[in-house]
Structures are given as structure tokens and as C-alpha cells.
Amino acid sequence: MWRAIHSLFSSTVGTKLSSNGAGAAAAGRVIIIGLVTDGHNRRLLAKLSSDNGWVMHFADSWREAQAAAADLQVPVILFDRDLPGVDWRETVAGLASSSSPACVILISRAADDYLWEEVIRRGGYEVLSKPLRPEEVVRVIRLAWSFWNSMMKMPAYSRKKSA
């Protein structure tokens, strides 16, 4: 069923993960990977991506998201804390510490200062609370992209990119 949902959204409102997204990055478009299980949230994220000119990819696993983030130089990864069978702490840390760092945004029903601090400590960027509010999602993604773009201009990260 997960594959069917992925295919549905990949073909209609999101894109499948592939190397061809690199052109979008060069054109200045924000590339986003979404590890999101809920169909409503996927539709919302896909619509917001379309409305804002972002390129949304939905991944089936954190490993797929991590590989794509490195391959496509993805600035933003949205990760649903409720992803079945996955420890969000390890996932946030793994995605944030990849060879091509991304701003990992955790989506959670419980969003408080303690959780935000825990996400930051593990290398994440921000927490979005459920239910997702479109204006908040747009604001956080824009800030994350701006932060990532500034970070990539720093000498330490530009060396990582060229290595």
C-alpha cells in the first residue's frame, strides 16, 4: 500500500527521486524531500510545493532520503515523527549529518520546547506541529532554504561539496 501511495503522489503532485533534480537546484528552485506517511499531509505539501515553485520528492525510507539528499544536494528534508518502525532521533541525526547536510524539519503531533531542543541537539533544523498549517510550512521551508543557502556559501561547506 505504501508503494501505491508513493506512486500516486509521485506521478501526480510530487516527483520520484532521481538524479534529474539537480537541474532544478541549478535553476534556483528549492528541492524538498518528504518522508511523510499521511495522505492529507502529502497532498498539502505537494500543493504548497506547486504553489511556491518548489520541487517535492517523496521518499519511502530514511535511507532513500539520505541517498537522494547527497545526490541532489537537497536543502530541506521534512520528516514525519510518526513514520512506522523508525526512531526519529536516529533518523534526524543521520539525515542531518550526511555528507551533504540538509535542514531536517521534524513534523510531530507533540511540538514543544523540549522536542525542539532535542531536534536541534541531534542536528535538525525545526519542528512543525500537526496539523500542518500552510502558512507555517511555507515560512519554515523558506527560512530553512535561506539558512541552507547561506551555509553552503561558507568555506567549510563549499569544500565538502567539491570533495
N, C-alpha and C. Protein backbone atom coordinates (compact mmCIF):
# COMPACT_ATOMS: atom_id res chain seq x y z
N MET A 1 0.82 -1.19 0.00
CA MET A 1 0.00 0.00 0.00
C MET A 1 0.87 1.26 0.00
N TRP A 2 1.97 1.25 0.78
CA TRP A 2 2.86 2.41 0.85
C TRP A 2 3.39 2.75 -0.54
N ARG A 3 3.78 1.71 -1.32
CA ARG A 3 4.26 1.90 -2.69
C ARG A 3 3.18 2.55 -3.55
N ALA A 4 1.93 2.08 -3.38
CA ALA A 4 0.82 2.63 -4.17
C ALA A 4 0.62 4.11 -3.87
N ILE A 5 0.66 4.45 -2.59
CA ILE A 5 0.51 5.86 -2.21
C ILE A 5 1.67 6.67 -2.78
N HIS A 6 2.89 6.14 -2.65
CA HIS A 6 4.07 6.83 -3.17
C HIS A 6 3.93 7.07 -4.68
N SER A 7 3.49 6.04 -5.41
CA SER A 7 3.34 6.16 -6.86
C SER A 7 2.28 7.19 -7.22
N LEU A 8 1.18 7.14 -6.49
CA LEU A 8 0.10 8.09 -6.76
C LEU A 8 0.60 9.53 -6.65
N PHE A 9 1.25 9.84 -5.53
CA PHE A 9 1.69 11.21 -5.32
C PHE A 9 2.92 11.55 -6.15
N SER A 10 3.75 10.58 -6.42
CA SER A 10 4.93 10.84 -7.23
C SER A 10 4.54 11.20 -8.65
N SER A 11 3.50 10.57 -9.15
CA SER A 11 3.14 10.80 -10.56
C SER A 11 2.22 11.99 -10.73
N THR A 12 1.51 12.40 -9.69
CA THR A 12 0.54 13.47 -9.89
C THR A 12 0.95 14.79 -9.27
N VAL A 13 1.52 14.76 -8.07
CA VAL A 13 1.80 16.03 -7.41
C VAL A 13 3.21 16.15 -6.87
N GLY A 14 3.94 15.08 -6.84
CA GLY A 14 5.33 15.12 -6.40
C GLY A 14 6.15 14.49 -7.50
N THR A 15 7.42 14.30 -7.27
CA THR A 15 8.24 13.63 -8.26
C THR A 15 8.96 12.47 -7.63
N LYS A 16 9.32 11.51 -8.47
CA LYS A 16 10.09 10.38 -7.98
C LYS A 16 11.52 10.83 -7.76
N LEU A 17 12.17 10.17 -6.85
CA LEU A 17 13.56 10.51 -6.59
C LEU A 17 14.43 10.05 -7.74
N SER A 18 15.21 10.98 -8.30
CA SER A 18 16.13 10.64 -9.37
C SER A 18 17.18 11.73 -9.47
N SER A 19 18.21 11.48 -10.22
CA SER A 19 19.30 12.45 -10.35
C SER A 19 18.92 13.67 -11.15
N ASN A 20 17.82 13.62 -11.89
CA ASN A 20 17.49 14.75 -12.75
C ASN A 20 17.04 15.98 -11.97
N GLY A 21 16.89 15.91 -10.66
CA GLY A 21 16.52 17.07 -9.87
C GLY A 21 17.65 18.08 -9.74
N ALA A 22 18.86 17.70 -10.12
CA ALA A 22 20.00 18.61 -9.99
C ALA A 22 19.79 19.86 -10.82
N GLY A 23 19.13 19.74 -11.95
CA GLY A 23 18.85 20.91 -12.79
C GLY A 23 17.96 21.90 -12.09
N ALA A 24 17.04 21.40 -11.29
CA ALA A 24 16.15 22.29 -10.54
C ALA A 24 16.95 23.09 -9.53
N ALA A 25 17.94 22.45 -8.91
CA ALA A 25 18.76 23.16 -7.93
C ALA A 25 19.55 24.26 -8.62
N ALA A 26 20.08 23.96 -9.80
CA ALA A 26 20.85 24.96 -10.53
C ALA A 26 19.97 26.12 -10.96
N ALA A 27 18.70 25.85 -11.19
CA ALA A 27 17.78 26.90 -11.61
C ALA A 27 17.27 27.71 -10.42
N GLY A 28 17.75 27.41 -9.22
CA GLY A 28 17.36 28.17 -8.04
C GLY A 28 16.08 27.69 -7.39
N ARG A 29 15.58 26.53 -7.80
CA ARG A 29 14.36 26.00 -7.20
C ARG A 29 14.72 25.22 -5.95
N VAL A 30 13.89 25.33 -4.95
CA VAL A 30 14.11 24.62 -3.70
C VAL A 30 13.68 23.17 -3.89
N ILE A 31 14.59 22.26 -3.59
CA ILE A 31 14.29 20.83 -3.66
C ILE A 31 14.02 20.35 -2.24
N ILE A 32 12.92 19.63 -2.07
CA ILE A 32 12.50 19.16 -0.76
C ILE A 32 12.25 17.67 -0.84
N ILE A 33 12.73 16.95 0.16
CA ILE A 33 12.40 15.53 0.28
C ILE A 33 11.42 15.41 1.44
N GLY A 34 10.35 14.68 1.21
CA GLY A 34 9.34 14.46 2.25
C GLY A 34 9.25 13.00 2.64
N LEU A 35 9.54 12.72 3.88
CA LEU A 35 9.29 11.40 4.47
C LEU A 35 8.02 11.57 5.29
N VAL A 36 6.90 11.48 4.61
CA VAL A 36 5.60 11.78 5.22
C VAL A 36 4.65 10.64 4.90
N THR A 37 3.97 10.12 5.92
CA THR A 37 3.10 8.97 5.72
C THR A 37 1.65 9.35 5.46
N ASP A 38 1.18 10.40 6.04
CA ASP A 38 -0.22 10.78 5.97
C ASP A 38 -0.58 11.36 4.61
N GLY A 39 -1.61 10.79 3.97
CA GLY A 39 -2.03 11.24 2.65
C GLY A 39 -2.45 12.70 2.61
N HIS A 40 -3.15 13.15 3.64
CA HIS A 40 -3.58 14.56 3.69
C HIS A 40 -2.36 15.49 3.71
N ASN A 41 -1.37 15.15 4.55
CA ASN A 41 -0.17 15.99 4.63
C ASN A 41 0.63 15.94 3.33
N ARG A 42 0.66 14.79 2.68
CA ARG A 42 1.36 14.68 1.39
C ARG A 42 0.69 15.60 0.35
N ARG A 43 -0.62 15.56 0.31
CA ARG A 43 -1.34 16.42 -0.66
C ARG A 43 -1.09 17.89 -0.35
N LEU A 44 -1.14 18.25 0.93
CA LEU A 44 -0.88 19.63 1.33
C LEU A 44 0.52 20.06 0.93
N LEU A 45 1.51 19.23 1.25
CA LEU A 45 2.90 19.57 0.91
C LEU A 45 3.11 19.65 -0.60
N ALA A 46 2.49 18.76 -1.34
CA ALA A 46 2.61 18.79 -2.79
C ALA A 46 1.97 20.06 -3.36
N LYS A 47 0.83 20.46 -2.82
CA LYS A 47 0.16 21.68 -3.29
C LYS A 47 1.01 22.91 -2.96
N LEU A 48 1.53 22.96 -1.74
CA LEU A 48 2.38 24.09 -1.35
C LEU A 48 3.63 24.15 -2.22
N SER A 49 4.18 23.00 -2.54
CA SER A 49 5.36 22.95 -3.40
C SER A 49 5.04 23.50 -4.78
N SER A 50 3.93 23.07 -5.31
CA SER A 50 3.50 23.54 -6.63
C SER A 50 3.25 25.05 -6.61
N ASP A 51 2.54 25.53 -5.59
CA ASP A 51 2.22 26.96 -5.47
C ASP A 51 3.45 27.83 -5.30
N ASN A 52 4.51 27.28 -4.69
CA ASN A 52 5.70 28.07 -4.39
C ASN A 52 6.88 27.80 -5.32
N GLY A 53 6.67 26.93 -6.31
CA GLY A 53 7.74 26.63 -7.26
C GLY A 53 8.84 25.74 -6.71
N TRP A 54 8.52 24.99 -5.66
CA TRP A 54 9.48 24.06 -5.09
C TRP A 54 9.38 22.72 -5.83
N VAL A 55 10.41 21.90 -5.68
CA VAL A 55 10.40 20.55 -6.25
C VAL A 55 10.29 19.58 -5.08
N MET A 56 9.15 18.90 -4.97
CA MET A 56 8.90 17.98 -3.86
C MET A 56 9.12 16.55 -4.31
N HIS A 57 9.96 15.84 -3.57
CA HIS A 57 10.18 14.41 -3.78
C HIS A 57 9.69 13.69 -2.53
N PHE A 58 8.96 12.62 -2.70
CA PHE A 58 8.55 11.81 -1.55
C PHE A 58 9.42 10.56 -1.53
N ALA A 59 10.00 10.27 -0.37
CA ALA A 59 10.85 9.10 -0.20
C ALA A 59 10.11 8.04 0.59
N ASP A 60 10.48 6.79 0.37
CA ASP A 60 9.85 5.67 1.07
C ASP A 60 10.59 5.30 2.36
N SER A 61 11.84 5.71 2.50
CA SER A 61 12.61 5.36 3.69
C SER A 61 13.63 6.46 3.96
N TRP A 62 14.17 6.45 5.19
CA TRP A 62 15.17 7.47 5.51
C TRP A 62 16.45 7.22 4.74
N ARG A 63 16.76 5.96 4.43
CA ARG A 63 17.96 5.65 3.64
C ARG A 63 17.82 6.23 2.23
N GLU A 64 16.64 6.08 1.66
CA GLU A 64 16.39 6.64 0.33
C GLU A 64 16.50 8.18 0.39
N ALA A 65 15.96 8.76 1.43
CA ALA A 65 16.04 10.22 1.59
C ALA A 65 17.48 10.67 1.75
N GLN A 66 18.27 9.94 2.53
CA GLN A 66 19.67 10.31 2.75
C GLN A 66 20.47 10.20 1.46
N ALA A 67 20.26 9.14 0.70
CA ALA A 67 20.97 8.97 -0.57
C ALA A 67 20.59 10.07 -1.55
N ALA A 68 19.32 10.39 -1.62
CA ALA A 68 18.85 11.43 -2.53
C ALA A 68 19.36 12.80 -2.10
N ALA A 69 19.41 13.05 -0.79
CA ALA A 69 19.89 14.33 -0.30
C ALA A 69 21.33 14.56 -0.74
N ALA A 70 22.14 13.52 -0.69
CA ALA A 70 23.53 13.64 -1.11
C ALA A 70 23.63 13.79 -2.62
N ASP A 71 22.83 13.03 -3.35
CA ASP A 71 22.87 13.04 -4.81
C ASP A 71 22.34 14.34 -5.41
N LEU A 72 21.27 14.86 -4.83
CA LEU A 72 20.60 16.03 -5.39
C LEU A 72 20.96 17.34 -4.70
N GLN A 73 21.77 17.29 -3.64
CA GLN A 73 22.07 18.48 -2.83
C GLN A 73 20.77 19.13 -2.36
N VAL A 74 20.03 18.39 -1.58
CA VAL A 74 18.72 18.80 -1.09
C VAL A 74 18.87 19.71 0.13
N PRO A 75 18.27 20.89 0.10
CA PRO A 75 18.38 21.78 1.25
C PRO A 75 17.42 21.47 2.38
N VAL A 76 16.25 20.86 2.08
CA VAL A 76 15.22 20.68 3.10
C VAL A 76 14.68 19.26 3.06
N ILE A 77 14.63 18.64 4.23
CA ILE A 77 14.00 17.32 4.37
C ILE A 77 12.93 17.44 5.44
N LEU A 78 11.71 17.08 5.07
CA LEU A 78 10.60 17.04 6.01
C LEU A 78 10.44 15.59 6.47
N PHE A 79 10.44 15.38 7.77
CA PHE A 79 10.39 14.02 8.31
C PHE A 79 9.27 13.89 9.33
N ASP A 80 8.34 12.99 9.06
CA ASP A 80 7.21 12.74 9.96
C ASP A 80 7.67 11.87 11.12
N ARG A 81 7.53 12.38 12.31
CA ARG A 81 7.95 11.65 13.52
C ARG A 81 7.20 10.33 13.65
N ASP A 82 6.00 10.23 13.11
CA ASP A 82 5.17 9.04 13.24
C ASP A 82 5.46 7.99 12.17
N LEU A 83 6.55 8.11 11.44
CA LEU A 83 6.89 7.12 10.44
C LEU A 83 7.05 5.76 11.12
N PRO A 84 6.29 4.76 10.68
CA PRO A 84 6.31 3.46 11.37
C PRO A 84 7.68 2.78 11.33
N GLY A 85 8.08 2.21 12.47
CA GLY A 85 9.29 1.42 12.56
C GLY A 85 10.59 2.20 12.49
N VAL A 86 10.53 3.50 12.70
CA VAL A 86 11.73 4.34 12.59
C VAL A 86 11.90 5.16 13.87
N ASP A 87 13.11 5.17 14.41
CA ASP A 87 13.41 6.01 15.57
C ASP A 87 13.74 7.42 15.05
N TRP A 88 12.90 8.36 15.38
CA TRP A 88 13.06 9.71 14.84
C TRP A 88 14.38 10.34 15.25
N ARG A 89 14.87 10.02 16.44
CA ARG A 89 16.13 10.61 16.91
C ARG A 89 17.30 10.19 16.03
N GLU A 90 17.39 8.90 15.76
CA GLU A 90 18.46 8.40 14.89
C GLU A 90 18.30 8.92 13.47
N THR A 91 17.07 8.99 13.01
CA THR A 91 16.83 9.44 11.64
C THR A 91 17.21 10.90 11.46
N VAL A 92 16.81 11.75 12.38
CA VAL A 92 17.17 13.17 12.29
C VAL A 92 18.68 13.31 12.31
N ALA A 93 19.34 12.64 13.23
CA ALA A 93 20.80 12.72 13.33
C ALA A 93 21.46 12.20 12.05
N GLY A 94 20.98 11.08 11.51
CA GLY A 94 21.54 10.52 10.29
C GLY A 94 21.36 11.41 9.09
N LEU A 95 20.17 11.96 8.92
CA LEU A 95 19.91 12.84 7.78
C LEU A 95 20.68 14.15 7.90
N ALA A 96 20.77 14.68 9.11
CA ALA A 96 21.46 15.96 9.31
C ALA A 96 22.97 15.84 9.19
N SER A 97 23.52 14.65 9.43
CA SER A 97 24.97 14.51 9.41
C SER A 97 25.50 13.87 8.13
N SER A 98 24.68 13.82 7.10
CA SER A 98 25.13 13.21 5.85
C SER A 98 26.23 14.07 5.22
N SER A 99 26.86 13.56 4.17
CA SER A 99 27.96 14.28 3.52
C SER A 99 27.47 15.58 2.88
N SER A 100 26.21 15.65 2.55
CA SER A 100 25.61 16.87 2.03
C SER A 100 24.51 17.30 3.00
N PRO A 101 24.85 18.16 3.97
CA PRO A 101 23.90 18.48 5.02
C PRO A 101 22.63 19.15 4.50
N ALA A 102 21.53 18.80 5.14
CA ALA A 102 20.23 19.38 4.81
C ALA A 102 19.60 19.89 6.10
N CYS A 103 18.65 20.80 5.96
CA CYS A 103 17.88 21.26 7.11
C CYS A 103 16.74 20.27 7.31
N VAL A 104 16.83 19.47 8.37
CA VAL A 104 15.83 18.45 8.66
C VAL A 104 14.76 19.06 9.55
N ILE A 105 13.52 19.01 9.07
CA ILE A 105 12.39 19.55 9.80
C ILE A 105 11.51 18.39 10.25
N LEU A 106 11.34 18.24 11.54
CA LEU A 106 10.53 17.17 12.11
C LEU A 106 9.08 17.62 12.16
N ILE A 107 8.18 16.76 11.70
CA ILE A 107 6.74 17.02 11.79
C ILE A 107 6.21 16.14 12.91
N SER A 108 5.54 16.75 13.90
CA SER A 108 5.13 16.00 15.08
C SER A 108 3.81 16.52 15.65
N ARG A 109 3.05 15.60 16.22
CA ARG A 109 1.82 15.99 16.93
C ARG A 109 2.17 16.78 18.20
N ALA A 110 3.18 16.31 18.89
CA ALA A 110 3.64 16.99 20.11
C ALA A 110 4.81 17.89 19.72
N ALA A 111 4.60 19.17 19.81
CA ALA A 111 5.66 20.12 19.47
C ALA A 111 5.79 21.12 20.61
N ASP A 112 6.84 20.96 21.37
CA ASP A 112 7.09 21.88 22.48
C ASP A 112 8.57 22.23 22.51
N ASP A 113 8.96 23.05 23.45
CA ASP A 113 10.36 23.49 23.54
C ASP A 113 11.31 22.32 23.77
N TYR A 114 10.88 21.34 24.55
CA TYR A 114 11.73 20.18 24.81
C TYR A 114 12.02 19.44 23.51
N LEU A 115 11.00 19.18 22.71
CA LEU A 115 11.19 18.47 21.45
C LEU A 115 12.06 19.30 20.50
N TRP A 116 11.80 20.59 20.40
CA TRP A 116 12.59 21.46 19.53
C TRP A 116 14.07 21.40 19.94
N GLU A 117 14.32 21.48 21.23
CA GLU A 117 15.71 21.41 21.73
C GLU A 117 16.35 20.07 21.37
N GLU A 118 15.60 18.99 21.51
CA GLU A 118 16.10 17.66 21.18
C GLU A 118 16.42 17.55 19.68
N VAL A 119 15.56 18.10 18.84
CA VAL A 119 15.79 18.08 17.39
C VAL A 119 17.06 18.87 17.05
N ILE A 120 17.21 20.03 17.62
CA ILE A 120 18.38 20.87 17.37
C ILE A 120 19.65 20.16 17.84
N ARG A 121 19.59 19.54 19.01
CA ARG A 121 20.74 18.82 19.55
C ARG A 121 21.18 17.68 18.63
N ARG A 122 20.25 17.10 17.93
CA ARG A 122 20.56 15.99 17.02
C ARG A 122 20.90 16.46 15.60
N GLY A 123 20.97 17.77 15.40
CA GLY A 123 21.37 18.31 14.11
C GLY A 123 20.23 18.75 13.23
N GLY A 124 19.00 18.64 13.72
CA GLY A 124 17.84 19.07 12.94
C GLY A 124 17.72 20.58 12.91
N TYR A 125 16.74 21.06 12.16
CA TYR A 125 16.58 22.49 11.98
C TYR A 125 15.37 23.06 12.73
N GLU A 126 14.23 22.36 12.66
CA GLU A 126 12.99 22.94 13.20
C GLU A 126 11.97 21.84 13.42
N VAL A 127 10.89 22.18 14.11
CA VAL A 127 9.76 21.28 14.33
C VAL A 127 8.50 21.97 13.82
N LEU A 128 7.72 21.24 13.03
CA LEU A 128 6.40 21.70 12.61
C LEU A 128 5.37 20.85 13.33
N SER A 129 4.35 21.49 13.88
CA SER A 129 3.33 20.73 14.60
C SER A 129 2.18 20.35 13.68
N LYS A 130 1.60 19.19 14.01
CA LYS A 130 0.41 18.72 13.31
C LYS A 130 -0.80 19.23 14.06
N PRO A 131 -1.86 19.56 13.38
CA PRO A 131 -2.00 19.53 11.93
C PRO A 131 -1.19 20.65 11.29
N LEU A 132 -0.65 20.35 10.11
CA LEU A 132 0.17 21.33 9.40
C LEU A 132 -0.66 22.53 8.99
N ARG A 133 -0.12 23.70 9.23
CA ARG A 133 -0.76 24.95 8.79
C ARG A 133 0.03 25.47 7.59
N PRO A 134 -0.62 25.66 6.46
CA PRO A 134 0.11 26.04 5.24
C PRO A 134 1.05 27.23 5.40
N GLU A 135 0.60 28.28 6.06
CA GLU A 135 1.44 29.47 6.21
C GLU A 135 2.68 29.17 7.04
N GLU A 136 2.56 28.30 8.03
CA GLU A 136 3.70 27.94 8.87
C GLU A 136 4.69 27.06 8.09
N VAL A 137 4.16 26.14 7.30
CA VAL A 137 5.02 25.28 6.48
C VAL A 137 5.82 26.13 5.50
N VAL A 138 5.16 27.05 4.83
CA VAL A 138 5.84 27.92 3.86
C VAL A 138 6.91 28.76 4.56
N ARG A 139 6.57 29.33 5.69
CA ARG A 139 7.52 30.17 6.43
C ARG A 139 8.76 29.36 6.83
N VAL A 140 8.56 28.18 7.39
CA VAL A 140 9.68 27.38 7.88
C VAL A 140 10.54 26.88 6.72
N ILE A 141 9.93 26.46 5.63
CA ILE A 141 10.71 26.00 4.48
C ILE A 141 11.51 27.15 3.87
N ARG A 142 10.92 28.31 3.77
CA ARG A 142 11.67 29.47 3.24
C ARG A 142 12.86 29.82 4.13
N LEU A 143 12.64 29.81 5.44
CA LEU A 143 13.75 30.09 6.36
C LEU A 143 14.83 29.01 6.28
N ALA A 144 14.41 27.76 6.20
CA ALA A 144 15.37 26.66 6.11
C ALA A 144 16.19 26.77 4.83
N TRP A 145 15.53 27.07 3.73
CA TRP A 145 16.25 27.21 2.46
C TRP A 145 17.25 28.37 2.53
N SER A 146 16.83 29.47 3.10
CA SER A 146 17.72 30.63 3.23
C SER A 146 18.93 30.28 4.10
N PHE A 147 18.68 29.59 5.21
CA PHE A 147 19.77 29.16 6.09
C PHE A 147 20.72 28.22 5.36
N TRP A 148 20.17 27.22 4.66
CA TRP A 148 20.98 26.24 3.93
C TRP A 148 21.81 26.94 2.85
N ASN A 149 21.18 27.85 2.13
CA ASN A 149 21.88 28.58 1.07
C ASN A 149 23.05 29.38 1.64
N SER A 150 22.84 30.03 2.76
CA SER A 150 23.93 30.78 3.41
C SER A 150 25.02 29.84 3.90
N MET A 151 24.62 28.70 4.46
CA MET A 151 25.57 27.73 4.97
C MET A 151 26.45 27.19 3.83
N MET A 152 25.88 26.95 2.66
CA MET A 152 26.63 26.39 1.54
C MET A 152 27.66 27.38 0.99
N LYS A 153 27.52 28.65 1.31
CA LYS A 153 28.49 29.65 0.86
C LYS A 153 29.69 29.74 1.81
N MET A 154 29.58 29.08 2.95
CA MET A 154 30.68 29.10 3.92
C MET A 154 31.81 28.20 3.44
N PRO A 155 33.07 28.58 3.64
CA PRO A 155 34.20 27.80 3.14
C PRO A 155 34.20 26.33 3.59
N ALA A 156 33.84 26.05 4.82
CA ALA A 156 33.86 24.67 5.31
C ALA A 156 32.91 23.79 4.51
N TYR A 157 31.75 24.31 4.14
CA TYR A 157 30.78 23.52 3.40
C TYR A 157 31.07 23.50 1.91
N SER A 158 31.64 24.56 1.38
CA SER A 158 31.97 24.55 -0.05
C SER A 158 33.07 23.53 -0.33
N ARG A 159 33.98 23.30 0.63
CA ARG A 159 34.99 22.25 0.48
C ARG A 159 34.35 20.87 0.48
N LYS A 160 33.32 20.68 1.34
CA LYS A 160 32.62 19.40 1.38
C LYS A 160 31.95 19.11 0.05
N LYS A 161 31.34 20.15 -0.57
CA LYS A 161 30.63 19.98 -1.83
C LYS A 161 31.58 19.56 -2.94
N SER A 162 32.77 20.15 -2.96
CA SER A 162 33.69 19.86 -4.05
C SER A 162 34.48 18.58 -3.83
N ALA A 163 34.48 18.07 -2.62
CA ALA A 163 35.25 16.84 -2.32
C ALA A 163 34.58 15.60 -2.87
